[in-house]
Amino acid sequence: MTHEIIVDIILAVIALIGTIMCQIVKQDSKARLALQIINSVAPAAVVAAEKIGGAGTAKFTKAVDFVQHALNQAGIDSADLSVIENAVEAQWAELSKTGTLDQYKKEVPSEKVNS
């Protein structure tokens, strides 16, 4: 009888560990999906923000908003904002370095000085 109780307890612990592991895997899968979305959407978000134009901070904020919107559409509401900002910043640097953004930059008209 004692032996059966010990076996039942061990089986219950194994079931509990299995449930916990399933939750960890689900969270890990969601985090992995979030990173995939962030990394695939960030370049397009940077280009779109550059096309819209505006001041540097406004463009950066717009690109971050684009990425957050894509995550929300995928049902991911709890992404770390610093991860999104870092991805956007990295893509901005990469696309600037390769010259991709040069074709989308809008020139700000200079003020004419009356003499």
PDB file of N, CA and C in Angstrom:
ATOM      1  N   MET A   1       0.815  -1.191   0.000  1.00  0.00           N
ATOM      2  CA  MET A   1       0.000   0.000   0.000  1.00  0.00           C
ATOM      3  C   MET A   1       0.860   1.258   0.000  1.00  0.00           C
ATOM      4  N   THR A   2       1.892   1.313   0.807  1.00  0.00           N
ATOM      5  CA  THR A   2       2.790   2.463   0.853  1.00  0.00           C
ATOM      6  C   THR A   2       3.488   2.633  -0.490  1.00  0.00           C
ATOM      7  N   HIS A   3       3.814   1.518  -1.070  1.00  0.00           N
ATOM      8  CA  HIS A   3       4.477   1.539  -2.373  1.00  0.00           C
ATOM      9  C   HIS A   3       3.567   2.178  -3.431  1.00  0.00           C
ATOM     10  N   GLU A   4       2.277   1.879  -3.394  1.00  0.00           N
ATOM     11  CA  GLU A   4       1.320   2.441  -4.343  1.00  0.00           C
ATOM     12  C   GLU A   4       1.174   3.958  -4.157  1.00  0.00           C
ATOM     13  N   ILE A   5       1.196   4.410  -2.916  1.00  0.00           N
ATOM     14  CA  ILE A   5       1.092   5.846  -2.628  1.00  0.00           C
ATOM     15  C   ILE A   5       2.311   6.579  -3.186  1.00  0.00           C
ATOM     16  N   ILE A   6       3.469   6.002  -2.997  1.00  0.00           N
ATOM     17  CA  ILE A   6       4.698   6.621  -3.517  1.00  0.00           C
ATOM     18  C   ILE A   6       4.649   6.695  -5.035  1.00  0.00           C
ATOM     19  N   VAL A   7       4.189   5.658  -5.683  1.00  0.00           N
ATOM     20  CA  VAL A   7       4.070   5.653  -7.143  1.00  0.00           C
ATOM     21  C   VAL A   7       3.067   6.707  -7.591  1.00  0.00           C
ATOM     22  N   ASP A   8       1.947   6.835  -6.890  1.00  0.00           N
ATOM     23  CA  ASP A   8       0.950   7.853  -7.221  1.00  0.00           C
ATOM     24  C   ASP A   8       1.521   9.260  -7.075  1.00  0.00           C
ATOM     25  N   ILE A   9       2.278   9.478  -6.026  1.00  0.00           N
ATOM     26  CA  ILE A   9       2.901  10.794  -5.808  1.00  0.00           C
ATOM     27  C   ILE A   9       3.908  11.089  -6.917  1.00  0.00           C
ATOM     28  N   ILE A  10       4.711  10.115  -7.268  1.00  0.00           N
ATOM     29  CA  ILE A  10       5.699  10.302  -8.342  1.00  0.00           C
ATOM     30  C   ILE A  10       4.995  10.602  -9.657  1.00  0.00           C
ATOM     31  N   LEU A  11       3.910   9.909  -9.971  1.00  0.00           N
ATOM     32  CA  LEU A  11       3.161  10.163 -11.203  1.00  0.00           C
ATOM     33  C   LEU A  11       2.543  11.561 -11.198  1.00  0.00           C
ATOM     34  N   ALA A  12       2.045  11.993 -10.030  1.00  0.00           N
ATOM     35  CA  ALA A  12       1.474  13.341  -9.921  1.00  0.00           C
ATOM     36  C   ALA A  12       2.554  14.404 -10.139  1.00  0.00           C
ATOM     37  N   VAL A  13       3.726  14.185  -9.582  1.00  0.00           N
ATOM     38  CA  VAL A  13       4.840  15.131  -9.763  1.00  0.00           C
ATOM     39  C   VAL A  13       5.266  15.168 -11.232  1.00  0.00           C
ATOM     40  N   ILE A  14       5.321  14.036 -11.875  1.00  0.00           N
ATOM     41  CA  ILE A  14       5.686  13.984 -13.298  1.00  0.00           C
ATOM     42  C   ILE A  14       4.651  14.732 -14.133  1.00  0.00           C
ATOM     43  N   ALA A  15       3.368  14.541 -13.817  1.00  0.00           N
ATOM     44  CA  ALA A  15       2.311  15.257 -14.543  1.00  0.00           C
ATOM     45  C   ALA A  15       2.434  16.766 -14.328  1.00  0.00           C
ATOM     46  N   LEU A  16       2.733  17.178 -13.106  1.00  0.00           N
ATOM     47  CA  LEU A  16       2.902  18.598 -12.799  1.00  0.00           C
ATOM     48  C   LEU A  16       4.094  19.183 -13.555  1.00  0.00           C
ATOM     49  N   ILE A  17       5.182  18.467 -13.569  1.00  0.00           N
ATOM     50  CA  ILE A  17       6.367  18.915 -14.305  1.00  0.00           C
ATOM     51  C   ILE A  17       6.058  19.013 -15.795  1.00  0.00           C
ATOM     52  N   GLY A  18       5.312  18.054 -16.329  1.00  0.00           N
ATOM     53  CA  GLY A  18       4.922  18.101 -17.736  1.00  0.00           C
ATOM     54  C   GLY A  18       4.082  19.322 -18.047  1.00  0.00           C
ATOM     55  N   THR A  19       3.145  19.652 -17.167  1.00  0.00           N
ATOM     56  CA  THR A  19       2.306  20.836 -17.363  1.00  0.00           C
ATOM     57  C   THR A  19       3.143  22.105 -17.334  1.00  0.00           C
ATOM     58  N   ILE A  20       4.039  22.188 -16.388  1.00  0.00           N
ATOM     59  CA  ILE A  20       4.918  23.366 -16.297  1.00  0.00           C
ATOM     60  C   ILE A  20       5.786  23.481 -17.541  1.00  0.00           C
ATOM     61  N   MET A  21       6.332  22.384 -17.996  1.00  0.00           N
ATOM     62  CA  MET A  21       7.181  22.406 -19.196  1.00  0.00           C
ATOM     63  C   MET A  21       6.386  22.830 -20.429  1.00  0.00           C
ATOM     64  N   CYS A  22       5.140  22.400 -20.534  1.00  0.00           N
ATOM     65  CA  CYS A  22       4.292  22.816 -21.662  1.00  0.00           C
ATOM     66  C   CYS A  22       4.091  24.321 -21.647  1.00  0.00           C
ATOM     67  N   GLN A  23       3.877  24.893 -20.482  1.00  0.00           N
ATOM     68  CA  GLN A  23       3.701  26.345 -20.370  1.00  0.00           C
ATOM     69  C   GLN A  23       4.978  27.079 -20.770  1.00  0.00           C
ATOM     70  N   ILE A  24       6.114  26.557 -20.355  1.00  0.00           N
ATOM     71  CA  ILE A  24       7.400  27.180 -20.705  1.00  0.00           C
ATOM     72  C   ILE A  24       7.616  27.123 -22.215  1.00  0.00           C
ATOM     73  N   VAL A  25       7.310  25.995 -22.821  1.00  0.00           N
ATOM     74  CA  VAL A  25       7.475  25.850 -24.268  1.00  0.00           C
ATOM     75  C   VAL A  25       6.545  26.800 -25.012  1.00  0.00           C
ATOM     76  N   LYS A  26       5.302  26.937 -24.532  1.00  0.00           N
ATOM     77  CA  LYS A  26       4.364  27.863 -25.167  1.00  0.00           C
ATOM     78  C   LYS A  26       4.882  29.291 -25.089  1.00  0.00           C
ATOM     79  N   GLN A  27       5.381  29.692 -23.920  1.00  0.00           N
ATOM     80  CA  GLN A  27       5.916  31.041 -23.760  1.00  0.00           C
ATOM     81  C   GLN A  27       7.141  31.236 -24.644  1.00  0.00           C
ATOM     82  N   ASP A  28       7.988  30.219 -24.704  1.00  0.00           N
ATOM     83  CA  ASP A  28       9.180  30.301 -25.538  1.00  0.00           C
ATOM     84  C   ASP A  28       8.795  30.418 -27.008  1.00  0.00           C
ATOM     85  N   SER A  29       7.788  29.680 -27.427  1.00  0.00           N
ATOM     86  CA  SER A  29       7.334  29.743 -28.819  1.00  0.00           C
ATOM     87  C   SER A  29       6.781  31.117 -29.141  1.00  0.00           C
ATOM     88  N   LYS A  30       6.040  31.697 -28.209  1.00  0.00           N
ATOM     89  CA  LYS A  30       5.475  33.037 -28.413  1.00  0.00           C
ATOM     90  C   LYS A  30       6.598  34.071 -28.481  1.00  0.00           C
ATOM     91  N   ALA A  31       7.600  33.928 -27.637  1.00  0.00           N
ATOM     92  CA  ALA A  31       8.735  34.852 -27.662  1.00  0.00           C
ATOM     93  C   ALA A  31       9.506  34.717 -28.971  1.00  0.00           C
ATOM     94  N   ARG A  32       9.679  33.478 -29.428  1.00  0.00           N
ATOM     95  CA  ARG A  32      10.374  33.241 -30.688  1.00  0.00           C
ATOM     96  C   ARG A  32       9.587  33.843 -31.855  1.00  0.00           C
ATOM     97  N   LEU A  33       8.269  33.689 -31.837  1.00  0.00           N
ATOM     98  CA  LEU A  33       7.418  34.275 -32.869  1.00  0.00           C
ATOM     99  C   LEU A  33       7.516  35.795 -32.843  1.00  0.00           C
ATOM    100  N   ALA A  34       7.515  36.376 -31.649  1.00  0.00           N
ATOM    101  CA  ALA A  34       7.633  37.831 -31.524  1.00  0.00           C
ATOM    102  C   ALA A  34       8.947  38.316 -32.127  1.00  0.00           C
ATOM    103  N   LEU A  35      10.032  37.622 -31.840  1.00  0.00           N
ATOM    104  CA  LEU A  35      11.332  38.019 -32.402  1.00  0.00           C
ATOM    105  C   LEU A  35      11.363  37.878 -33.922  1.00  0.00           C
ATOM    106  N   GLN A  36      10.742  36.834 -34.436  1.00  0.00           N
ATOM    107  CA  GLN A  36      10.684  36.660 -35.889  1.00  0.00           C
ATOM    108  C   GLN A  36       9.906  37.797 -36.537  1.00  0.00           C
ATOM    109  N   ILE A  37       8.787  38.169 -35.930  1.00  0.00           N
ATOM    110  CA  ILE A  37       7.987  39.268 -36.472  1.00  0.00           C
ATOM    111  C   ILE A  37       8.761  40.571 -36.396  1.00  0.00           C
ATOM    112  N   ILE A  38       9.367  40.836 -35.248  1.00  0.00           N
ATOM    113  CA  ILE A  38      10.129  42.077 -35.078  1.00  0.00           C
ATOM    114  C   ILE A  38      11.237  42.159 -36.120  1.00  0.00           C
ATOM    115  N   ASN A  39      11.998  41.086 -36.285  1.00  0.00           N
ATOM    116  CA  ASN A  39      13.133  41.109 -37.215  1.00  0.00           C
ATOM    117  C   ASN A  39      12.701  41.181 -38.676  1.00  0.00           C
ATOM    118  N   SER A  40      11.525  40.664 -38.991  1.00  0.00           N
ATOM    119  CA  SER A  40      11.094  40.729 -40.386  1.00  0.00           C
ATOM    120  C   SER A  40      10.357  42.023 -40.704  1.00  0.00           C
ATOM    121  N   VAL A  41       9.709  42.628 -39.724  1.00  0.00           N
ATOM    122  CA  VAL A  41       8.932  43.846 -39.967  1.00  0.00           C
ATOM    123  C   VAL A  41       9.785  45.112 -39.800  1.00  0.00           C
ATOM    124  N   ALA A  42      10.795  45.070 -38.957  1.00  0.00           N
ATOM    125  CA  ALA A  42      11.588  46.266 -38.664  1.00  0.00           C
ATOM    126  C   ALA A  42      12.170  46.942 -39.912  1.00  0.00           C
ATOM    127  N   PRO A  43      12.750  46.220 -40.873  1.00  0.00           N
ATOM    128  CA  PRO A  43      13.282  46.913 -42.052  1.00  0.00           C
ATOM    129  C   PRO A  43      12.192  47.656 -42.843  1.00  0.00           C
ATOM    130  N   ALA A  44      11.057  47.024 -43.022  1.00  0.00           N
ATOM    131  CA  ALA A  44       9.963  47.675 -43.748  1.00  0.00           C
ATOM    132  C   ALA A  44       9.429  48.865 -42.961  1.00  0.00           C
ATOM    133  N   ALA A  45       9.390  48.753 -41.643  1.00  0.00           N
ATOM    134  CA  ALA A  45       8.928  49.857 -40.801  1.00  0.00           C
ATOM    135  C   ALA A  45       9.863  51.055 -40.903  1.00  0.00           C
ATOM    136  N   VAL A  46      11.158  50.789 -40.958  1.00  0.00           N
ATOM    137  CA  VAL A  46      12.137  51.871 -41.091  1.00  0.00           C
ATOM    138  C   VAL A  46      11.985  52.567 -42.446  1.00  0.00           C
ATOM    139  N   VAL A  47      11.837  51.789 -43.501  1.00  0.00           N
ATOM    140  CA  VAL A  47      11.665  52.369 -44.836  1.00  0.00           C
ATOM    141  C   VAL A  47      10.377  53.181 -44.899  1.00  0.00           C
ATOM    142  N   ALA A  48       9.297  52.649 -44.340  1.00  0.00           N
ATOM    143  CA  ALA A  48       8.020  53.367 -44.348  1.00  0.00           C
ATOM    144  C   ALA A  48       8.121  54.669 -43.574  1.00  0.00           C
ATOM    145  N   ALA A  49       8.774  54.640 -42.431  1.00  0.00           N
ATOM    146  CA  ALA A  49       8.933  55.856 -41.632  1.00  0.00           C
ATOM    147  C   ALA A  49       9.788  56.878 -42.375  1.00  0.00           C
ATOM    148  N   GLU A  50      10.801  56.407 -43.073  1.00  0.00           N
ATOM    149  CA  GLU A  50      11.659  57.311 -43.846  1.00  0.00           C
ATOM    150  C   GLU A  50      10.870  57.929 -45.000  1.00  0.00           C
ATOM    151  N   LYS A  51      10.006  57.160 -45.632  1.00  0.00           N
ATOM    152  CA  LYS A  51       9.187  57.683 -46.728  1.00  0.00           C
ATOM    153  C   LYS A  51       8.228  58.760 -46.231  1.00  0.00           C
ATOM    154  N   ILE A  52       7.679  58.549 -45.035  1.00  0.00           N
ATOM    155  CA  ILE A  52       6.752  59.527 -44.474  1.00  0.00           C
ATOM    156  C   ILE A  52       7.472  60.833 -44.167  1.00  0.00           C
ATOM    157  N   GLY A  53       8.694  60.721 -43.724  1.00  0.00           N
ATOM    158  CA  GLY A  53       9.487  61.912 -43.436  1.00  0.00           C
ATOM    159  C   GLY A  53       9.235  62.434 -42.034  1.00  0.00           C
ATOM    160  N   GLY A  54       9.780  63.616 -41.778  1.00  0.00           N
ATOM    161  CA  GLY A  54       9.645  64.232 -40.461  1.00  0.00           C
ATOM    162  C   GLY A  54      10.969  64.243 -39.731  1.00  0.00           C
ATOM    163  N   ALA A  55      10.919  64.670 -38.483  1.00  0.00           N
ATOM    164  CA  ALA A  55      12.129  64.736 -37.659  1.00  0.00           C
ATOM    165  C   ALA A  55      12.570  63.315 -37.292  1.00  0.00           C
ATOM    166  N   GLY A  56      13.823  63.194 -36.899  1.00  0.00           N
ATOM    167  CA  GLY A  56      14.390  61.885 -36.579  1.00  0.00           C
ATOM    168  C   GLY A  56      13.624  61.127 -35.514  1.00  0.00           C
ATOM    169  N   THR A  57      13.282  61.799 -34.423  1.00  0.00           N
ATOM    170  CA  THR A  57      12.567  61.140 -33.331  1.00  0.00           C
ATOM    171  C   THR A  57      11.164  60.721 -33.766  1.00  0.00           C
ATOM    172  N   ALA A  58      10.511  61.569 -34.543  1.00  0.00           N
ATOM    173  CA  ALA A  58       9.164  61.243 -35.015  1.00  0.00           C
ATOM    174  C   ALA A  58       9.202  60.029 -35.943  1.00  0.00           C
ATOM    175  N   LYS A  59      10.206  59.957 -36.802  1.00  0.00           N
ATOM    176  CA  LYS A  59      10.335  58.804 -37.708  1.00  0.00           C
ATOM    177  C   LYS A  59      10.615  57.536 -36.916  1.00  0.00           C
ATOM    178  N   PHE A  60      11.493  57.642 -35.926  1.00  0.00           N
ATOM    179  CA  PHE A  60      11.828  56.484 -35.094  1.00  0.00           C
ATOM    180  C   PHE A  60      10.580  55.975 -34.373  1.00  0.00           C
ATOM    181  N   THR A  61       9.823  56.893 -33.786  1.00  0.00           N
ATOM    182  CA  THR A  61       8.594  56.523 -33.078  1.00  0.00           C
ATOM    183  C   THR A  61       7.593  55.874 -34.018  1.00  0.00           C
ATOM    184  N   LYS A  62       7.491  56.404 -35.232  1.00  0.00           N
ATOM    185  CA  LYS A  62       6.563  55.836 -36.217  1.00  0.00           C
ATOM    186  C   LYS A  62       6.985  54.413 -36.588  1.00  0.00           C
ATOM    187  N   ALA A  63       8.271  54.180 -36.777  1.00  0.00           N
ATOM    188  CA  ALA A  63       8.762  52.833 -37.110  1.00  0.00           C
ATOM    189  C   ALA A  63       8.471  51.854 -35.972  1.00  0.00           C
ATOM    190  N   VAL A  64       8.692  52.284 -34.742  1.00  0.00           N
ATOM    191  CA  VAL A  64       8.404  51.435 -33.576  1.00  0.00           C
ATOM    192  C   VAL A  64       6.907  51.126 -33.525  1.00  0.00           C
ATOM    193  N   ASP A  65       6.077  52.133 -33.811  1.00  0.00           N
ATOM    194  CA  ASP A  65       4.621  51.928 -33.824  1.00  0.00           C
ATOM    195  C   ASP A  65       4.210  50.910 -34.882  1.00  0.00           C
ATOM    196  N   PHE A  66       4.847  50.971 -36.053  1.00  0.00           N
ATOM    197  CA  PHE A  66       4.548  50.006 -37.115  1.00  0.00           C
ATOM    198  C   PHE A  66       4.828  48.577 -36.642  1.00  0.00           C
ATOM    199  N   VAL A  67       5.973  48.393 -35.984  1.00  0.00           N
ATOM    200  CA  VAL A  67       6.350  47.056 -35.507  1.00  0.00           C
ATOM    201  C   VAL A  67       5.384  46.587 -34.416  1.00  0.00           C
ATOM    202  N   GLN A  68       5.033  47.497 -33.490  1.00  0.00           N
ATOM    203  CA  GLN A  68       4.083  47.135 -32.438  1.00  0.00           C
ATOM    204  C   GLN A  68       2.726  46.751 -33.037  1.00  0.00           C
ATOM    205  N   HIS A  69       2.316  47.453 -34.062  1.00  0.00           N
ATOM    206  CA  HIS A  69       1.045  47.140 -34.720  1.00  0.00           C
ATOM    207  C   HIS A  69       1.091  45.733 -35.334  1.00  0.00           C
ATOM    208  N   ALA A  70       2.204  45.396 -35.967  1.00  0.00           N
ATOM    209  CA  ALA A  70       2.344  44.057 -36.554  1.00  0.00           C
ATOM    210  C   ALA A  70       2.281  42.980 -35.471  1.00  0.00           C
ATOM    211  N   LEU A  71       2.906  43.240 -34.337  1.00  0.00           N
ATOM    212  CA  LEU A  71       2.858  42.283 -33.230  1.00  0.00           C
ATOM    213  C   LEU A  71       1.434  42.146 -32.698  1.00  0.00           C
ATOM    214  N   ASN A  72       0.743  43.267 -32.558  1.00  0.00           N
ATOM    215  CA  ASN A  72      -0.641  43.226 -32.074  1.00  0.00           C
ATOM    216  C   ASN A  72      -1.528  42.447 -33.032  1.00  0.00           C
ATOM    217  N   GLN A  73      -1.294  42.594 -34.329  1.00  0.00           N
ATOM    218  CA  GLN A  73      -2.075  41.858 -35.325  1.00  0.00           C
ATOM    219  C   GLN A  73      -1.843  40.351 -35.201  1.00  0.00           C
ATOM    220  N   ALA A  74      -0.654  39.979 -34.729  1.00  0.00           N
ATOM    221  CA  ALA A  74      -0.337  38.558 -34.544  1.00  0.00           C
ATOM    222  C   ALA A  74      -0.777  38.046 -33.173  1.00  0.00           C
ATOM    223  N   GLY A  75      -1.416  38.924 -32.392  1.00  0.00           N
ATOM    224  CA  GLY A  75      -1.899  38.514 -31.074  1.00  0.00           C
ATOM    225  C   GLY A  75      -0.854  38.581 -29.989  1.00  0.00           C
ATOM    226  N   ILE A  76       0.219  39.314 -30.222  1.00  0.00           N
ATOM    227  CA  ILE A  76       1.281  39.448 -29.227  1.00  0.00           C
ATOM    228  C   ILE A  76       1.217  40.869 -28.675  1.00  0.00           C
ATOM    229  N   ASP A  77       0.750  40.969 -27.428  1.00  0.00           N
ATOM    230  CA  ASP A  77       0.565  42.286 -26.815  1.00  0.00           C
ATOM    231  C   ASP A  77       1.630  42.608 -25.778  1.00  0.00           C
ATOM    232  N   SER A  78       2.442  41.646 -25.437  1.00  0.00           N
ATOM    233  CA  SER A  78       3.363  41.831 -24.314  1.00  0.00           C
ATOM    234  C   SER A  78       4.836  41.876 -24.736  1.00  0.00           C
ATOM    235  N   ALA A  79       5.110  42.370 -25.927  1.00  0.00           N
ATOM    236  CA  ALA A  79       6.508  42.429 -26.377  1.00  0.00           C
ATOM    237  C   ALA A  79       7.241  43.548 -25.642  1.00  0.00           C
ATOM    238  N   ASP A  80       8.492  43.313 -25.354  1.00  0.00           N
ATOM    239  CA  ASP A  80       9.331  44.282 -24.654  1.00  0.00           C
ATOM    240  C   ASP A  80       9.645  45.443 -25.592  1.00  0.00           C
ATOM    241  N   LEU A  81       9.294  46.659 -25.182  1.00  0.00           N
ATOM    242  CA  LEU A  81       9.483  47.835 -26.015  1.00  0.00           C
ATOM    243  C   LEU A  81      10.956  48.059 -26.345  1.00  0.00           C
ATOM    244  N   SER A  82      11.848  47.778 -25.404  1.00  0.00           N
ATOM    245  CA  SER A  82      13.277  47.995 -25.666  1.00  0.00           C
ATOM    246  C   SER A  82      13.791  47.058 -26.754  1.00  0.00           C
ATOM    247  N   VAL A  83      13.230  45.852 -26.841  1.00  0.00           N
ATOM    248  CA  VAL A  83      13.625  44.909 -27.901  1.00  0.00           C
ATOM    249  C   VAL A  83      13.202  45.472 -29.261  1.00  0.00           C
ATOM    250  N   ILE A  84      11.979  46.005 -29.321  1.00  0.00           N
ATOM    251  CA  ILE A  84      11.492  46.597 -30.569  1.00  0.00           C
ATOM    252  C   ILE A  84      12.343  47.798 -30.948  1.00  0.00           C
ATOM    253  N   GLU A  85      12.605  48.677 -29.991  1.00  0.00           N
ATOM    254  CA  GLU A  85      13.402  49.874 -30.269  1.00  0.00           C
ATOM    255  C   GLU A  85      14.814  49.512 -30.734  1.00  0.00           C
ATOM    256  N   ASN A  86      15.405  48.512 -30.097  1.00  0.00           N
ATOM    257  CA  ASN A  86      16.752  48.088 -30.498  1.00  0.00           C
ATOM    258  C   ASN A  86      16.757  47.512 -31.908  1.00  0.00           C
ATOM    259  N   ALA A  87      15.727  46.749 -32.251  1.00  0.00           N
ATOM    260  CA  ALA A  87      15.650  46.170 -33.595  1.00  0.00           C
ATOM    261  C   ALA A  87      15.479  47.265 -34.641  1.00  0.00           C
ATOM    262  N   VAL A  88      14.626  48.240 -34.354  1.00  0.00           N
ATOM    263  CA  VAL A  88      14.413  49.356 -35.287  1.00  0.00           C
ATOM    264  C   VAL A  88      15.702  50.156 -35.437  1.00  0.00           C
ATOM    265  N   GLU A  89      16.358  50.426 -34.331  1.00  0.00           N
ATOM    266  CA  GLU A  89      17.611  51.182 -34.375  1.00  0.00           C
ATOM    267  C   GLU A  89      18.676  50.431 -35.173  1.00  0.00           C
ATOM    268  N   ALA A  90      18.775  49.130 -34.967  1.00  0.00           N
ATOM    269  CA  ALA A  90      19.756  48.323 -35.698  1.00  0.00           C
ATOM    270  C   ALA A  90      19.459  48.329 -37.193  1.00  0.00           C
ATOM    271  N   GLN A  91      18.181  48.200 -37.547  1.00  0.00           N
ATOM    272  CA  GLN A  91      17.822  48.223 -38.964  1.00  0.00           C
ATOM    273  C   GLN A  91      18.069  49.589 -39.574  1.00  0.00           C
ATOM    274  N   TRP A  92      17.808  50.647 -38.816  1.00  0.00           N
ATOM    275  CA  TRP A  92      18.047  51.988 -39.319  1.00  0.00           C
ATOM    276  C   TRP A  92      19.531  52.172 -39.632  1.00  0.00           C
ATOM    277  N   ALA A  93      20.363  51.693 -38.723  1.00  0.00           N
ATOM    278  CA  ALA A  93      21.812  51.790 -38.939  1.00  0.00           C
ATOM    279  C   ALA A  93      22.236  50.972 -40.153  1.00  0.00           C
ATOM    280  N   GLU A  94      21.717  49.753 -40.256  1.00  0.00           N
ATOM    281  CA  GLU A  94      22.084  48.877 -41.374  1.00  0.00           C
ATOM    282  C   GLU A  94      21.626  49.447 -42.709  1.00  0.00           C
ATOM    283  N   LEU A  95      20.376  49.914 -42.762  1.00  0.00           N
ATOM    284  CA  LEU A  95      19.845  50.444 -44.020  1.00  0.00           C
ATOM    285  C   LEU A  95      20.503  51.777 -44.388  1.00  0.00           C
ATOM    286  N   SER A  96      20.923  52.534 -43.389  1.00  0.00           N
ATOM    287  CA  SER A  96      21.654  53.778 -43.663  1.00  0.00           C
ATOM    288  C   SER A  96      23.051  53.453 -44.189  1.00  0.00           C
ATOM    289  N   LYS A  97      23.674  52.458 -43.590  1.00  0.00           N
ATOM    290  CA  LYS A  97      25.026  52.051 -43.979  1.00  0.00           C
ATOM    291  C   LYS A  97      25.061  51.556 -45.422  1.00  0.00           C
ATOM    292  N   THR A  98      24.047  50.793 -45.808  1.00  0.00           N
ATOM    293  CA  THR A  98      24.026  50.246 -47.165  1.00  0.00           C
ATOM    294  C   THR A  98      23.517  51.254 -48.195  1.00  0.00           C
ATOM    295  N   GLY A  99      23.002  52.395 -47.710  1.00  0.00           N
ATOM    296  CA  GLY A  99      22.516  53.433 -48.618  1.00  0.00           C
ATOM    297  C   GLY A  99      21.080  53.229 -49.067  1.00  0.00           C
ATOM    298  N   THR A 100      20.419  52.224 -48.526  1.00  0.00           N
ATOM    299  CA  THR A 100      19.035  51.944 -48.913  1.00  0.00           C
ATOM    300  C   THR A 100      18.105  53.107 -48.597  1.00  0.00           C
ATOM    301  N   LEU A 101      18.336  53.769 -47.476  1.00  0.00           N
ATOM    302  CA  LEU A 101      17.433  54.848 -47.059  1.00  0.00           C
ATOM    303  C   LEU A 101      17.637  56.140 -47.843  1.00  0.00           C
ATOM    304  N   ASP A 102      18.770  56.269 -48.513  1.00  0.00           N
ATOM    305  CA  ASP A 102      19.060  57.506 -49.237  1.00  0.00           C
ATOM    306  C   ASP A 102      17.998  57.831 -50.278  1.00  0.00           C
ATOM    307  N   GLN A 103      17.470  56.830 -50.920  1.00  0.00           N
ATOM    308  CA  GLN A 103      16.485  57.077 -51.971  1.00  0.00           C
ATOM    309  C   GLN A 103      15.130  57.516 -51.422  1.00  0.00           C
ATOM    310  N   TYR A 104      14.897  57.338 -50.113  1.00  0.00           N
ATOM    311  CA  TYR A 104      13.603  57.697 -49.534  1.00  0.00           C
ATOM    312  C   TYR A 104      13.629  58.999 -48.739  1.00  0.00           C
ATOM    313  N   LYS A 105      14.806  59.549 -48.499  1.00  0.00           N
ATOM    314  CA  LYS A 105      14.896  60.761 -47.695  1.00  0.00           C
ATOM    315  C   LYS A 105      14.240  61.922 -48.416  1.00  0.00           C
ATOM    316  N   LYS A 106      13.450  62.659 -47.655  1.00  0.00           N
ATOM    317  CA  LYS A 106      12.793  63.835 -48.208  1.00  0.00           C
ATOM    318  C   LYS A 106      13.643  65.048 -47.878  1.00  0.00           C
ATOM    319  N   GLU A 107      13.855  65.876 -48.885  1.00  0.00           N
ATOM    320  CA  GLU A 107      14.631  67.080 -48.649  1.00  0.00           C
ATOM    321  C   GLU A 107      13.742  68.129 -48.009  1.00  0.00           C
ATOM    322  N   VAL A 108      14.277  68.767 -46.987  1.00  0.00           N
ATOM    323  CA  VAL A 108      13.560  69.842 -46.327  1.00  0.00           C
ATOM    324  C   VAL A 108      13.905  71.120 -47.062  1.00  0.00           C
ATOM    325  N   PRO A 109      12.896  71.854 -47.582  1.00  0.00           N
ATOM    326  CA  PRO A 109      13.204  73.064 -48.330  1.00  0.00           C
ATOM    327  C   PRO A 109      13.875  74.099 -47.435  1.00  0.00           C
ATOM    328  N   SER A 110      14.928  74.704 -47.957  1.00  0.00           N
ATOM    329  CA  SER A 110      15.643  75.702 -47.176  1.00  0.00           C
ATOM    330  C   SER A 110      14.896  77.026 -47.255  1.00  0.00           C
ATOM    331  N   GLU A 111      15.034  77.803 -46.184  1.00  0.00           N
ATOM    332  CA  GLU A 111      14.357  79.095 -46.154  1.00  0.00           C
ATOM    333  C   GLU A 111      15.112  80.081 -47.021  1.00  0.00           C
ATOM    334  N   LYS A 112      14.351  80.860 -47.773  1.00  0.00           N
ATOM    335  CA  LYS A 112      14.969  81.883 -48.609  1.00  0.00           C
ATOM    336  C   LYS A 112      15.159  83.140 -47.786  1.00  0.00           C
ATOM    337  N   VAL A 113      16.322  83.710 -47.902  1.00  0.00           N
ATOM    338  CA  VAL A 113      16.634  84.933 -47.149  1.00  0.00           C
ATOM    339  C   VAL A 113      16.456  86.101 -48.100  1.00  0.00           C
ATOM    340  N   ASN A 114      15.605  87.046 -47.701  1.00  0.00           N
ATOM    341  CA  ASN A 114      15.397  88.244 -48.519  1.00  0.00           C
ATOM    342  C   ASN A 114      16.495  89.243 -48.224  1.00  0.00           C
ATOM    343  N   SER A 115      17.161  89.733 -49.284  1.00  0.00           N
ATOM    344  CA  SER A 115      18.247  90.682 -49.067  1.00  0.00           C
ATOM    345  C   SER A 115      17.794  92.076 -49.388  1.00  0.00           C
TER     346      SER A 115
END
